Protein backbone atom coordinates (compact mmCIF):
# COMPACT_ATOMS: atom_id res chain seq x y z
CA MET A 1 0.01 24.46 36.00
CA SER A 2 3.19 22.53 35.06
CA ASN A 3 3.14 19.98 32.20
CA ILE A 4 6.33 18.28 33.35
CA SER A 5 5.90 14.59 34.14
CA GLN A 6 7.89 11.35 34.22
CA LYS A 7 7.20 8.28 32.08
CA LEU A 8 8.93 5.13 30.79
CA ASP A 9 9.31 4.36 27.07
CA LEU A 10 10.68 1.30 25.25
CA ARG A 11 12.57 2.10 22.08
CA GLN A 12 14.34 -0.18 19.62
CA SER A 13 17.38 1.11 17.73
CA GLN A 14 20.51 -0.13 15.99
CA GLN A 15 24.00 1.14 16.67
CA LEU A 16 27.55 0.03 16.08
CA VAL A 17 29.23 -1.04 19.30
CA MET A 18 32.96 -0.37 19.34
CA THR A 19 34.27 -3.60 20.77
CA PRO A 20 37.91 -3.71 21.95
CA GLN A 21 38.89 -5.76 18.88
CA LEU A 22 37.14 -3.34 16.52
CA GLN A 23 38.96 -0.44 18.16
CA GLN A 24 42.22 -2.32 17.83
CA ALA A 25 41.57 -3.01 14.14
CA ILE A 26 41.14 0.70 13.51
CA LYS A 27 44.39 1.44 15.38
CA LEU A 28 46.20 -1.16 13.25
CA LEU A 29 45.05 0.63 10.13
CA GLN A 30 46.40 3.95 11.38
CA MET A 31 49.86 2.56 12.22
CA ASN A 32 52.75 2.71 9.80
CA ASN A 33 55.02 -0.32 9.38
CA LEU A 34 57.49 0.73 12.07
CA GLU A 35 54.75 1.38 14.62
CA LEU A 36 53.14 -1.91 13.64
CA ASN A 37 56.43 -3.71 14.21
CA ASP A 38 56.58 -2.47 17.81
CA PHE A 39 52.97 -3.52 18.35
CA ILE A 40 53.65 -7.02 16.98
CA GLU A 41 56.66 -7.44 19.25
CA ALA A 42 54.49 -6.65 22.26
CA GLU A 43 51.78 -9.08 21.11
CA ILE A 44 54.28 -11.90 20.60
CA GLU A 45 55.54 -11.39 24.14
CA LYS A 46 51.99 -11.64 25.50
CA ASN A 47 50.72 -14.48 23.31
CA PRO A 48 52.80 -17.70 23.25
CA LEU A 49 50.87 -18.99 20.23
CA LEU A 50 52.23 -16.28 17.92
CA GLU A 51 55.55 -16.33 16.13
CA ARG A 52 57.23 -13.95 13.73
CA GLN A 53 57.66 -15.19 10.16
CA ASP A 54 61.20 -14.35 9.14
CA SER A 55 61.49 -16.69 6.16
CA SER A 56 61.18 -15.48 2.58
CA GLU A 57 58.10 -17.57 1.82
CA ASP A 58 55.89 -16.64 -1.06
CA ILE A 59 53.37 -13.98 -0.10
CA GLU A 60 50.55 -15.82 -1.84
CA GLN A 61 51.27 -18.91 0.27
CA GLU A 62 51.09 -16.79 3.41
CA ARG A 63 47.77 -15.37 2.31
CA GLY A 64 46.47 -18.88 1.65
CA GLU A 65 47.46 -19.95 5.15
CA SER A 66 45.73 -16.97 6.70
CA ASP A 67 42.53 -17.78 4.81
CA GLN A 68 42.45 -21.19 6.50
CA LEU A 69 42.33 -19.64 9.96
CA SER A 70 39.23 -19.50 12.08
CA ASP A 71 36.54 -17.08 10.91
CA ASN A 72 36.18 -15.71 14.44
CA ASN A 73 35.67 -11.94 14.44
CA LYS A 74 35.83 -11.74 10.64
CA ASP A 75 32.77 -9.48 10.57
CA GLU A 76 34.38 -7.07 13.02
CA ILE A 77 37.58 -6.90 11.02
CA GLU A 78 35.80 -6.23 7.75
CA ALA A 79 33.62 -3.64 9.47
CA ALA A 80 36.76 -1.83 10.55
CA PHE A 81 38.47 -1.99 7.17
CA GLU A 82 35.39 -2.06 4.92
CA SER A 83 37.28 -4.13 2.40
CA PRO A 84 36.43 -7.61 1.05
CA ASP A 85 39.17 -10.14 0.29
CA SER A 86 41.01 -9.07 -2.82
CA PRO A 87 44.11 -10.10 -4.80
CA ASP A 88 47.31 -8.12 -5.31
CA PHE A 89 46.74 -4.95 -7.29
CA ASP A 90 48.68 -3.90 -10.37
CA ALA A 91 48.16 -0.21 -10.87
CA GLY A 92 47.11 0.56 -14.39
CA SER A 93 48.57 -1.81 -16.94
CA SER A 94 47.00 0.46 -19.52
CA MET A 95 48.97 3.50 -18.39
CA VAL A 96 50.98 5.37 -20.98
CA ASP A 97 54.75 4.98 -21.29
CA MET A 98 57.06 7.50 -19.68
CA GLY A 99 57.85 10.63 -21.64
CA SER A 100 61.10 12.52 -21.95
CA GLY A 101 60.17 14.84 -19.12
CA GLY A 102 60.40 12.14 -16.44
CA ASN A 103 63.16 10.23 -14.75
CA PRO A 104 64.47 7.74 -17.35
CA LYS A 105 65.61 5.25 -14.70
CA PHE A 106 62.29 3.81 -13.59
CA ASP A 107 63.46 0.19 -13.70
CA THR A 108 63.32 -1.09 -10.14
CA MET A 109 63.67 0.31 -6.67
CA ASP A 110 66.35 -2.35 -6.04
CA ASP A 111 68.81 -0.42 -8.21
CA GLY A 112 68.56 2.64 -5.98
CA PHE A 113 71.56 4.76 -5.08
CA GLU A 114 71.63 3.45 -1.53
CA ASN A 115 72.29 -0.07 -2.85
CA ARG A 116 75.25 0.98 -4.97
CA ILE A 117 77.21 3.22 -2.63
CA ARG A 118 80.76 2.26 -1.77
CA GLU A 119 81.96 1.68 1.74
CA GLU A 120 83.44 5.00 2.77
CA LYS A 121 85.02 6.26 5.96
CA SER A 122 82.52 8.09 8.16
CA LEU A 123 83.14 11.53 9.60
CA ARG A 124 83.38 10.06 13.08
CA GLU A 125 86.05 7.56 12.00
CA HIS A 126 87.97 10.30 10.19
CA LEU A 127 87.94 12.57 13.26
CA MET A 128 88.73 9.73 15.69
CA GLU A 129 91.91 8.91 13.75
CA GLN A 130 93.09 12.51 14.13
CA LEU A 131 92.01 12.57 17.76
CA PHE A 132 94.18 9.59 18.70
CA VAL A 133 97.15 11.07 16.84
CA ASP A 134 96.96 14.56 18.37
CA LEU A 135 95.89 13.65 21.92
CA ALA A 136 97.81 11.24 24.16
CA ASP A 137 95.92 11.70 27.42
CA GLU A 138 93.20 9.05 27.86
CA ARG A 139 90.80 11.50 29.55
CA ASP A 140 91.27 14.02 26.76
CA ARG A 141 90.54 11.30 24.23
CA MET A 142 87.38 10.31 26.11
CA VAL A 143 86.09 13.89 26.20
CA GLY A 144 87.09 14.37 22.57
CA CYS A 145 85.03 11.33 21.54
CA LEU A 146 82.00 12.80 23.31
CA LEU A 147 82.50 16.13 21.54
CA ILE A 148 82.61 14.32 18.18
CA ASP A 149 79.31 12.65 19.02
CA HIS A 150 77.72 16.06 19.62
CA LEU A 151 78.43 17.34 16.09
CA ASP A 152 75.40 18.01 13.91
CA GLU A 153 75.04 16.82 10.32
CA SER A 154 76.91 19.90 9.01
CA GLY A 155 79.88 19.37 11.34
CA TYR A 156 78.99 22.17 13.78
CA LEU A 157 79.18 21.95 17.57
CA ARG A 158 76.33 24.28 18.45
CA GLN A 159 76.01 23.60 22.20
CA ASP A 160 77.41 26.11 24.66
CA VAL A 161 80.73 25.10 26.28
CA SER A 162 79.31 25.38 29.81
CA GLU A 163 76.34 23.23 28.82
CA LEU A 164 78.66 20.62 27.34
CA ALA A 165 80.85 20.68 30.44
CA GLU A 166 77.86 20.01 32.67
CA ARG A 167 76.58 17.24 30.41
CA ILE A 168 79.96 15.52 30.00
CA GLY A 169 81.03 16.10 33.58
CA CYS A 170 84.31 17.99 33.20
CA LYS A 171 85.65 21.51 33.53
CA THR A 172 84.96 24.13 30.87
CA GLU A 173 88.69 24.83 30.66
CA ARG A 174 89.34 21.28 29.44
CA ILE A 175 86.66 21.52 26.74
CA GLU A 176 87.90 24.94 25.57
CA ARG A 177 91.46 23.61 25.36
CA LEU A 178 90.38 20.51 23.45
CA LEU A 179 88.21 22.52 21.04
CA GLY A 180 91.20 24.74 20.29
CA ILE A 181 93.00 21.60 19.09
CA MET A 182 90.06 19.87 17.42
CA LYS A 183 89.06 22.93 15.39
CA GLN A 184 92.29 22.38 13.48
CA PHE A 185 91.14 18.93 12.37
CA ASP A 186 90.30 18.09 8.79
CA PRO A 187 87.86 19.01 7.26
CA THR A 188 88.55 22.62 8.11
CA GLY A 189 85.59 24.29 9.76
CA VAL A 190 84.47 21.29 11.76
CA PHE A 191 83.59 21.96 15.46
CA ALA A 192 82.67 25.58 14.62
CA LYS A 193 79.71 26.91 16.62
CA ASP A 194 78.12 28.67 13.64
CA LEU A 195 78.60 29.61 9.99
CA LYS A 196 80.71 32.68 10.75
CA GLU A 197 83.24 30.71 12.78
CA CYS A 198 83.26 27.96 10.15
CA PHE A 199 84.23 30.47 7.47
CA ALA A 200 86.74 32.13 9.82
CA LEU A 201 88.54 28.82 10.41
CA GLN A 202 88.82 28.16 6.69
CA LEU A 203 90.00 31.69 5.92
CA GLU A 204 92.53 31.57 8.76
CA GLU A 205 94.00 28.37 7.36
CA GLN A 206 94.35 30.06 3.96
CA GLY A 207 95.91 33.19 5.51
CA LYS A 208 93.07 35.40 4.28
CA LEU A 209 91.44 36.43 7.57
CA ASP A 210 92.47 40.10 7.48
CA ALA A 211 90.63 43.01 9.12
CA PRO A 212 88.20 43.72 6.22
CA MET A 213 87.29 40.03 6.06
CA GLN A 214 86.73 39.87 9.81
CA SER A 215 84.38 42.86 9.58
CA PHE A 216 82.66 41.20 6.62
CA LEU A 217 82.01 38.05 8.67
CA GLU A 218 80.70 40.06 11.61
CA HIS A 219 78.14 41.82 9.42
CA MET A 220 77.50 38.98 6.98
CA ASP A 221 73.75 39.10 7.71
CA MET A 222 73.61 42.36 5.70
CA LEU A 223 74.11 40.23 2.58
CA ALA A 224 70.60 38.83 2.99
CA ASP A 225 69.22 42.36 2.62
CA HIS A 226 71.58 43.06 -0.29
CA ASP A 227 72.76 46.17 1.53
CA PHE A 228 76.12 46.25 -0.27
CA GLU A 229 76.76 49.92 0.35
CA GLY A 230 76.24 49.58 4.09
CA LEU A 231 78.35 46.42 4.21
CA ALA A 232 81.19 48.09 2.30
CA GLU A 233 81.10 50.94 4.79
CA LYS A 234 81.25 48.52 7.74
CA CYS A 235 84.27 46.79 6.19
CA GLY A 236 85.98 50.04 5.26
CA VAL A 237 86.37 49.06 1.59
CA ASN A 238 84.99 50.18 -1.76
CA SER A 239 82.38 48.26 -3.78
CA THR A 240 84.99 46.53 -5.98
CA TYR A 241 86.91 45.22 -2.98
CA LEU A 242 83.63 44.13 -1.40
CA MET A 243 82.76 42.02 -4.46
CA ASP A 244 86.16 40.36 -4.11
CA LEU A 245 85.29 39.49 -0.49
CA VAL A 246 81.95 38.06 -1.60
CA ALA A 247 83.67 35.98 -4.27
CA GLU A 248 86.12 34.69 -1.67
CA ILE A 249 83.28 33.66 0.65
CA LYS A 250 81.60 31.74 -2.17
CA THR A 251 84.64 29.47 -2.44
CA LEU A 252 84.29 28.32 1.18
CA ASN A 253 82.45 25.22 2.39
CA PRO A 254 79.48 26.04 4.66
CA LYS A 255 79.02 22.35 5.57
CA PRO A 256 82.45 20.85 6.30
CA ALA A 257 80.89 17.45 7.08
CA GLY A 258 79.03 17.35 3.78
CA GLU A 259 81.70 15.37 1.94
CA PHE A 260 81.19 12.52 4.41
CA ASP A 261 77.43 12.23 3.87
CA HIS A 262 77.68 9.07 1.78
CA LEU A 263 74.43 7.59 3.02
CA VAL A 264 71.10 8.87 1.83
CA VAL A 265 69.41 10.58 4.76
CA GLN A 266 65.85 9.38 4.88
CA THR A 267 63.57 10.53 7.66
CA ALA A 268 60.75 8.11 6.80
CA ILE A 269 60.51 4.51 5.71
CA PRO A 270 58.15 3.68 2.81
CA ASP A 271 55.19 1.47 3.66
CA ILE A 272 54.44 0.95 -0.05
CA LEU A 273 56.74 0.63 -3.06
CA MET A 274 55.91 1.20 -6.70
CA LYS A 275 57.86 -0.27 -9.59
CA ARG A 276 57.57 0.19 -13.32
CA LEU A 277 56.38 -2.92 -15.13
CA PRO A 278 58.32 -3.92 -18.26
CA LYS A 279 56.64 -3.38 -21.62
CA ASN A 280 56.24 -7.10 -22.22
CA LEU A 281 53.96 -7.15 -19.16
CA GLY A 282 51.88 -4.23 -20.37
CA GLY A 283 53.84 -1.33 -18.86
CA GLY A 284 52.41 0.87 -16.14
CA TRP A 285 53.15 0.50 -12.45
CA ARG A 286 53.11 -2.28 -9.92
CA VAL A 287 52.27 -1.32 -6.35
CA GLU A 288 53.38 -3.60 -3.53
CA LEU A 289 53.90 -3.50 0.21
CA ASN A 290 57.39 -2.93 1.58
CA HIS A 291 57.97 -6.42 2.95
CA GLU A 292 61.36 -5.38 4.36
CA THR A 293 59.60 -3.39 7.08
CA LEU A 294 56.21 -5.13 7.14
CA PRO A 295 56.05 -7.50 10.11
CA ARG A 296 54.42 -10.88 9.54
CA VAL A 297 53.20 -13.31 12.16
CA LEU A 298 51.86 -16.85 12.15
CA VAL A 299 50.03 -19.04 14.63
CA GLN A 300 52.19 -21.90 15.91
CA ASN A 301 49.68 -24.63 15.05
CA GLU A 302 51.93 -27.48 16.21
CA TYR A 303 52.39 -25.80 19.55
CA VAL A 304 48.63 -25.21 19.78
CA THR A 305 48.01 -28.94 19.26
CA GLU A 306 50.61 -29.86 21.86
CA ILE A 307 49.41 -27.59 24.66
CA SER A 308 45.75 -28.27 23.89
CA ALA A 309 46.37 -31.96 24.53
CA ARG A 310 48.03 -31.15 27.85
CA ALA A 311 45.38 -28.68 29.03
CA LYS A 312 43.28 -30.53 31.60
CA SER A 313 41.67 -27.92 33.82
CA LYS A 314 38.89 -25.60 32.75
CA GLU A 315 41.11 -22.58 33.32
CA ASP A 316 43.90 -23.98 31.12
CA LYS A 317 41.51 -24.82 28.30
CA SER A 318 39.92 -21.37 28.53
CA TYR A 319 43.34 -19.70 28.40
CA VAL A 320 44.42 -21.67 25.31
CA SER A 321 41.10 -20.93 23.60
CA GLU A 322 41.36 -17.19 24.29
CA GLN A 323 44.96 -16.95 23.11
CA LEU A 324 44.18 -18.93 19.95
CA ALA A 325 41.20 -16.72 19.12
CA SER A 326 43.33 -13.61 19.73
CA ALA A 327 46.16 -14.95 17.57
CA ASN A 328 43.82 -15.92 14.72
CA TRP A 329 42.14 -12.55 14.84
CA LEU A 330 45.45 -10.67 14.76
CA VAL A 331 46.79 -12.60 11.76
CA ARG A 332 43.58 -12.02 9.81
CA ALA A 333 43.48 -8.35 10.84
CA LEU A 334 47.05 -7.84 9.62
CA ASP A 335 46.20 -9.48 6.30
CA GLN A 336 43.12 -7.28 5.92
CA ARG A 337 45.15 -4.19 6.80
CA ALA A 338 47.74 -5.03 4.14
CA GLN A 339 45.09 -5.51 1.44
CA THR A 340 43.37 -2.25 2.38
CA ILE A 341 46.58 -0.21 2.22
CA LEU A 342 47.49 -1.83 -1.08
CA LYS A 343 44.09 -1.07 -2.54
CA VAL A 344 44.21 2.60 -1.54
CA GLY A 345 47.82 3.02 -2.73
CA SER A 346 47.04 1.45 -6.10
CA ALA A 347 44.09 3.76 -6.65
CA ILE A 348 46.21 6.81 -5.85
CA VAL A 349 48.93 5.72 -8.29
CA GLU A 350 46.36 5.25 -11.05
CA HIS A 351 45.01 8.77 -10.51
CA GLN A 352 48.46 10.38 -10.38
CA ASP A 353 50.08 8.56 -13.31
CA ALA A 354 50.87 11.85 -15.08
CA PHE A 355 52.74 13.10 -12.02
CA PHE A 356 54.96 10.01 -11.86
CA ASN A 357 55.69 10.25 -15.58
CA TYR A 358 56.11 13.99 -16.12
CA GLY A 359 56.53 15.81 -12.79
CA ILE A 360 54.85 18.03 -10.22
CA GLU A 361 53.10 20.31 -12.70
CA PHE A 362 51.02 17.32 -13.79
CA LEU A 363 49.75 16.48 -10.29
CA GLN A 364 46.00 16.01 -10.51
CA PRO A 365 43.52 17.35 -7.94
CA LEU A 366 42.25 14.51 -5.79
CA THR A 367 40.05 14.10 -2.72
CA LEU A 368 39.62 11.35 -0.16
CA LYS A 369 36.01 11.02 -1.24
CA GLU A 370 36.98 10.21 -4.84
CA ILE A 371 39.28 7.38 -3.77
CA ALA A 372 36.73 6.12 -1.22
CA GLU A 373 33.98 5.91 -3.84
CA GLU A 374 36.26 4.22 -6.36
CA ILE A 375 37.37 1.42 -4.02
CA ASP A 376 34.03 1.19 -2.17
CA MET A 377 35.24 2.23 1.25
CA HIS A 378 34.30 4.92 3.72
CA GLU A 379 36.13 8.24 3.47
CA SER A 380 37.33 7.95 7.08
CA THR A 381 38.96 4.60 6.24
CA VAL A 382 40.91 6.16 3.37
CA SER A 383 41.96 8.97 5.69
CA ARG A 384 43.33 6.48 8.22
CA VAL A 385 45.21 4.59 5.51
CA THR A 386 46.88 7.70 4.10
CA ASN A 387 47.83 9.21 7.44
CA ASN A 388 51.53 8.92 8.33
CA LYS A 389 52.22 6.37 5.60
CA TYR A 390 54.73 6.80 2.80
CA ILE A 391 55.20 5.47 -0.70
CA GLY A 392 58.61 5.00 -2.29
CA THR A 393 58.53 6.09 -5.92
CA PRO A 394 61.09 6.76 -8.66
CA ARG A 395 60.45 10.46 -7.99
CA GLY A 396 61.20 10.19 -4.30
CA LEU A 397 59.50 9.42 -1.03
CA PHE A 398 56.04 10.92 -0.52
CA GLU A 399 53.44 10.78 2.21
CA LEU A 400 50.18 9.44 0.78
CA LYS A 401 48.46 12.64 1.95
CA PHE A 402 50.64 14.58 -0.52
CA PHE A 403 48.59 13.33 -3.47
CA PHE A 404 45.35 14.84 -2.17
CA THR A 405 45.16 18.46 -3.25
CA THR A 406 42.35 20.92 -3.76
CA ALA A 407 41.08 21.59 -7.25
CA LEU A 408 40.96 25.01 -8.87
CA ILE A 409 38.50 25.16 -11.77
CA SER A 410 39.45 27.36 -14.72
CA SER A 411 36.95 29.21 -16.88
CA GLY A 412 37.11 26.35 -19.38
CA GLY A 413 36.01 23.89 -16.71
CA ILE A 414 39.47 22.28 -16.37
CA ALA A 415 40.53 21.29 -12.84
CA HIS A 416 44.08 22.14 -11.73
CA SER A 417 45.87 20.91 -8.62
CA SER A 418 46.91 23.63 -6.19
CA GLU A 419 50.35 21.99 -5.84
CA ALA A 420 50.79 21.94 -9.61
CA ILE A 421 49.91 25.64 -9.78
CA LYS A 422 52.39 26.43 -7.01
CA SER A 423 55.07 24.60 -8.96
CA ARG A 424 54.21 26.58 -12.09
CA ILE A 425 54.43 29.88 -10.21
CA LYS A 426 57.81 28.90 -8.80
CA SER A 427 59.14 27.91 -12.22
CA LEU A 428 58.02 31.26 -13.67
CA ILE A 429 59.79 33.16 -10.88
CA ASP A 430 62.94 31.04 -11.14
CA ALA A 431 63.16 31.75 -14.86
CA GLU A 432 62.37 35.48 -14.67
CA ASN A 433 64.81 38.00 -16.12
CA PRO A 434 66.69 39.86 -13.33
CA ARG A 435 66.06 43.05 -15.33
CA LYS A 436 62.36 42.29 -15.67
CA ILE A 437 60.94 40.93 -12.44
CA LEU A 438 57.44 39.47 -12.68
CA SER A 439 54.78 41.13 -10.54
CA ASP A 440 51.88 39.11 -9.14
CA ASP A 441 49.61 40.76 -11.70
CA LYS A 442 51.91 39.69 -14.53
CA ILE A 443 51.94 36.11 -13.21
CA VAL A 444 48.14 36.17 -13.19
CA VAL A 445 48.17 37.17 -16.88
CA ILE A 446 50.64 34.43 -17.83
CA LEU A 447 48.67 31.78 -15.98
CA LYS A 448 45.44 32.95 -17.60
CA GLU A 449 47.01 32.52 -21.02
CA GLU A 450 47.80 28.94 -19.98
CA GLY A 451 44.18 28.34 -18.99
CA ILE A 452 44.60 28.86 -15.23
CA ASP A 453 42.38 31.57 -13.74
CA LEU A 454 43.67 32.88 -10.42
CA ALA A 455 43.10 36.04 -8.45
CA ARG A 456 46.16 38.15 -7.68
CA ARG A 457 45.71 37.55 -3.94
CA THR A 458 45.76 33.79 -4.58
CA VAL A 459 49.05 34.09 -6.44
CA ALA A 460 50.44 36.15 -3.55
CA LYS A 461 49.23 33.55 -1.04
CA TYR A 462 50.86 30.68 -2.95
CA ARG A 463 54.08 32.66 -3.40
CA GLU A 464 54.29 33.48 0.31
CA ALA A 465 53.56 29.83 1.20
CA MET A 466 56.67 28.89 -0.81
CA HIS A 467 58.68 31.58 1.04
CA ILE A 468 59.25 33.58 -2.15
CA GLY A 469 59.59 37.32 -1.76
CA SER A 470 57.52 39.97 -3.49
CA SER A 471 58.57 41.49 -6.80
CA VAL A 472 60.11 44.43 -4.92
CA GLN A 473 62.18 42.11 -2.71
CA ARG A 474 63.26 39.94 -5.63
CA ARG A 475 64.25 42.95 -7.69
CA LYS A 476 66.53 44.05 -4.88
CA GLN A 477 67.97 40.55 -4.44
CA LYS A 478 68.60 39.94 -8.13
CA LYS A 479 70.06 43.36 -8.76
CA SER A 480 73.51 41.95 -8.07
CA LEU A 481 73.07 39.45 -10.93
CA ILE A 482 72.69 42.18 -13.53
CA LYS A 483 75.88 42.72 -15.49
CA ASP A 484 76.44 46.09 -17.03
């Protein structure tokens, strides 16, 4: 007989409901400054009560204004960020002074290289000047300009001629004729399709592109395998002559556009900046938001007062009320987001002080859980903060995720960062004697003497992750460095 039956039960439970504003608060936390800027632009277009703050007002004054806003949705915002109101954070005034192993110029980020560079002529300007001198036909000049715009950062034109012809909308014969002229432009090697042609153009200009050199360029990939005997045979020369060819190649410029790279190429914009505090202020580091890229918005209170007085119908009053609540919530959410990012960034800097002072080998193992417990937030919140966000430091630009590495515990109970160990392995290999290549087993012994216990397979895994060859491969590669 079946025991299956239907019945109704009443149960009481608690659960967090993800309201649209709570979901939006979490998305705000995940955005970097550039993504946030796009979001703010869209919100300003939708909400007439919002305006962008472009003035250089004091940040504390802005925070004071935001604190006077309506407390609507404050609980939802704090639930998303899990962070109470907090002041600016100075990371570690008790931190030790910088040692001789670090970058001595830790003054301010404002004195960076990009702020001191001279105005120089760009590669495009340099090539355009030659283009207008060598070509008189307006159509040729137009196509030539488009070809210049297709150069990569090294000065190569890697696209196929037929593909370029289809994209530009002209005959392949015209492009081939123009490339024949433009490949003679300065710097020599520009408009080459690959490294071999780049070298060939430079050698041809110097009158050194003879038959052995042409064969050398055709089989240049044999250099990577250090197959000198086979390469000499292909070129029809002896080993001494081959070494002369190699020496000649080393004098050439593989990136003809390199001399025009006056601007620092930066693929990411820092969301946080850290600066060294002067000794009279206690030393250490100050962590602050990058206000150059951080969008700031305010509620137009005067406009709110004006339109509220003119709103007569129920629909108008409801619309104004909704937009005001939305604007107030957004301003407070942005303020909370900023404080949360600042708090997480400051905690990371405190933990990694040795890295900033002395280098990669002093990077400390760190987990999201450690930072979360220290600043009293949930681990998932810290993960959102550190994802796709960068910090500008005197040692370079780093994603916040970079500072979280696994810990390897030595026999003495000392924790070592996996990144620091990788750096140590690389430094050992870089400094090895070409006559005495270090095997993975030997590296294990050296590291053990330094208090780092690793298995040989772990050393091999780290070495391969850094794209470093085995001892057999390195012995073959470095054989050419040995002088009899």
